[in-house]
Amino acid sequence: MNAENVKSQMRKGTLEYCILLLLKKEPAYTSDIIQKLQEAKLIVVEGTLYPLLTRLKNSGFLSYQWIESSQGPPRKYYQLTEMGVAFLGELETSWQELNNTINHIRNI
């Protein structure tokens, strides 16, 4: 078993949650999302992020709006919908439960 593969799967499993957490604070442009994830040491490329944002939008958790940019064409800014806020709440509960479980096992 390769530790890098396991770490990669762990990152993939938390990516949606991290994106929703970022968008809870404020609407964001794709490159801003990537930058914030990279600042948190969660490296993501556009080829991974775009399909994930599309899937979250198609599920009703995100919407977007086009905003004019002074640096070129309009930019698509993603934001949470009401369904997205509710879904994030479910993920936050699941994350807390998982975190509690891991901490419990760690301290046995």
Protein backbone atom coordinates (compact mmCIF):
# COMPACT_ATOMS: atom_id res chain seq x y z
CA MET A 1 0.00 0.00 0.00
CA ASN A 2 1.31 3.42 -0.96
CA ALA A 3 0.93 6.28 1.56
CA GLU A 4 0.73 8.84 -1.27
CA ASN A 5 -2.32 7.07 -2.71
CA VAL A 6 -4.05 7.09 0.67
CA LYS A 7 -3.23 10.78 1.22
CA SER A 8 -4.55 11.58 -2.25
CA GLN A 9 -7.84 9.81 -1.51
CA MET A 10 -8.15 11.67 1.80
CA ARG A 11 -7.67 15.02 0.01
CA LYS A 12 -10.24 14.10 -2.65
CA GLY A 13 -12.71 13.16 0.08
CA THR A 14 -12.49 16.57 1.70
CA LEU A 15 -12.27 18.76 -1.40
CA GLU A 16 -16.01 19.41 -1.81
CA TYR A 17 -16.30 20.27 1.88
CA CYS A 18 -13.37 22.72 1.65
CA ILE A 19 -14.81 24.42 -1.44
CA LEU A 20 -18.20 24.87 0.23
CA LEU A 21 -16.51 26.26 3.34
CA LEU A 22 -14.69 28.84 1.21
CA LEU A 23 -17.84 29.83 -0.65
CA LYS A 24 -19.76 30.16 2.62
CA LYS A 25 -17.63 33.21 3.39
CA GLU A 26 -18.06 34.94 0.03
CA PRO A 27 -18.66 34.30 -3.67
CA ALA A 28 -15.42 33.46 -5.46
CA TYR A 29 -13.89 33.19 -8.90
CA THR A 30 -12.33 29.84 -9.82
CA SER A 31 -8.73 31.04 -9.67
CA ASP A 32 -9.43 32.61 -6.25
CA ILE A 33 -10.73 29.24 -5.01
CA ILE A 34 -7.59 27.51 -6.29
CA GLN A 35 -5.37 30.12 -4.64
CA LYS A 36 -7.10 29.79 -1.27
CA LEU A 37 -6.90 25.99 -1.43
CA GLN A 38 -3.20 26.22 -2.28
CA GLU A 39 -2.64 28.60 0.64
CA ALA A 40 -4.16 25.88 2.83
CA LYS A 41 -1.73 23.33 1.28
CA LEU A 42 -4.53 21.58 -0.62
CA ILE A 43 -3.16 21.56 -4.15
CA VAL A 44 -5.87 21.49 -6.82
CA VAL A 45 -5.63 22.11 -10.56
CA GLU A 46 -8.30 23.65 -12.77
CA GLY A 47 -8.92 20.30 -14.45
CA THR A 48 -10.08 18.93 -11.10
CA LEU A 49 -11.93 22.00 -9.87
CA TYR A 50 -14.11 22.83 -12.89
CA PRO A 51 -15.90 19.45 -13.06
CA LEU A 52 -16.42 19.55 -9.29
CA LEU A 53 -17.93 23.05 -9.42
CA THR A 54 -20.18 21.96 -12.28
CA ARG A 55 -21.33 18.91 -10.32
CA LEU A 56 -22.06 21.03 -7.24
CA LYS A 57 -23.97 23.53 -9.41
CA ASN A 58 -25.97 20.78 -11.14
CA SER A 59 -26.84 19.36 -7.71
CA GLY A 60 -28.30 22.72 -6.73
CA PHE A 61 -25.65 23.54 -4.11
CA LEU A 62 -24.00 26.38 -6.06
CA SER A 63 -25.09 29.12 -8.38
CA TYR A 64 -22.96 31.64 -10.21
CA GLN A 65 -23.11 35.10 -11.63
CA TRP A 66 -21.04 36.83 -14.25
CA ILE A 67 -19.22 39.90 -12.97
CA GLU A 68 -17.40 42.35 -15.20
CA SER A 69 -13.63 42.41 -14.81
CA SER A 70 -11.27 45.31 -15.34
CA GLN A 71 -8.64 42.76 -16.43
CA GLY A 72 -10.45 41.10 -19.32
CA PRO A 73 -13.71 39.27 -19.94
CA PRO A 74 -16.42 38.87 -17.29
CA ARG A 75 -15.70 36.33 -14.58
CA LYS A 76 -17.96 33.61 -13.23
CA TYR A 77 -18.29 33.93 -9.45
CA TYR A 78 -19.68 30.92 -7.57
CA GLN A 79 -21.81 31.20 -4.45
CA LEU A 80 -23.72 28.86 -2.16
CA THR A 81 -27.45 28.41 -2.68
CA GLU A 82 -29.83 27.74 0.21
CA MET A 83 -29.53 24.04 -0.62
CA GLY A 84 -25.75 24.44 -0.54
CA VAL A 85 -25.87 26.00 2.91
CA ALA A 86 -28.00 23.08 4.16
CA PHE A 87 -25.68 20.54 2.51
CA LEU A 88 -22.66 22.25 4.07
CA GLY A 89 -24.35 21.96 7.46
CA GLU A 90 -24.70 18.20 6.92
CA LEU A 91 -21.05 17.94 5.90
CA GLU A 92 -19.97 19.95 8.95
CA THR A 93 -21.87 17.53 11.20
CA SER A 94 -20.30 14.54 9.44
CA TRP A 95 -16.85 16.09 9.68
CA GLN A 96 -17.26 16.70 13.40
CA GLU A 97 -18.44 13.12 13.94
CA LEU A 98 -15.51 11.74 11.96
CA ASN A 99 -13.07 13.99 13.78
CA ASN A 100 -14.46 12.86 17.14
CA THR A 101 -14.17 9.21 16.09
CA ILE A 102 -10.56 9.61 14.99
CA ASN A 103 -9.63 11.47 18.17
CA HIS A 104 -11.29 8.79 20.26
CA ILE A 105 -9.41 6.00 18.48
CA ARG A 106 -6.17 7.95 18.72
CA ASN A 107 -6.59 8.23 22.49
CA ILE A 108 -7.56 4.60 23.21
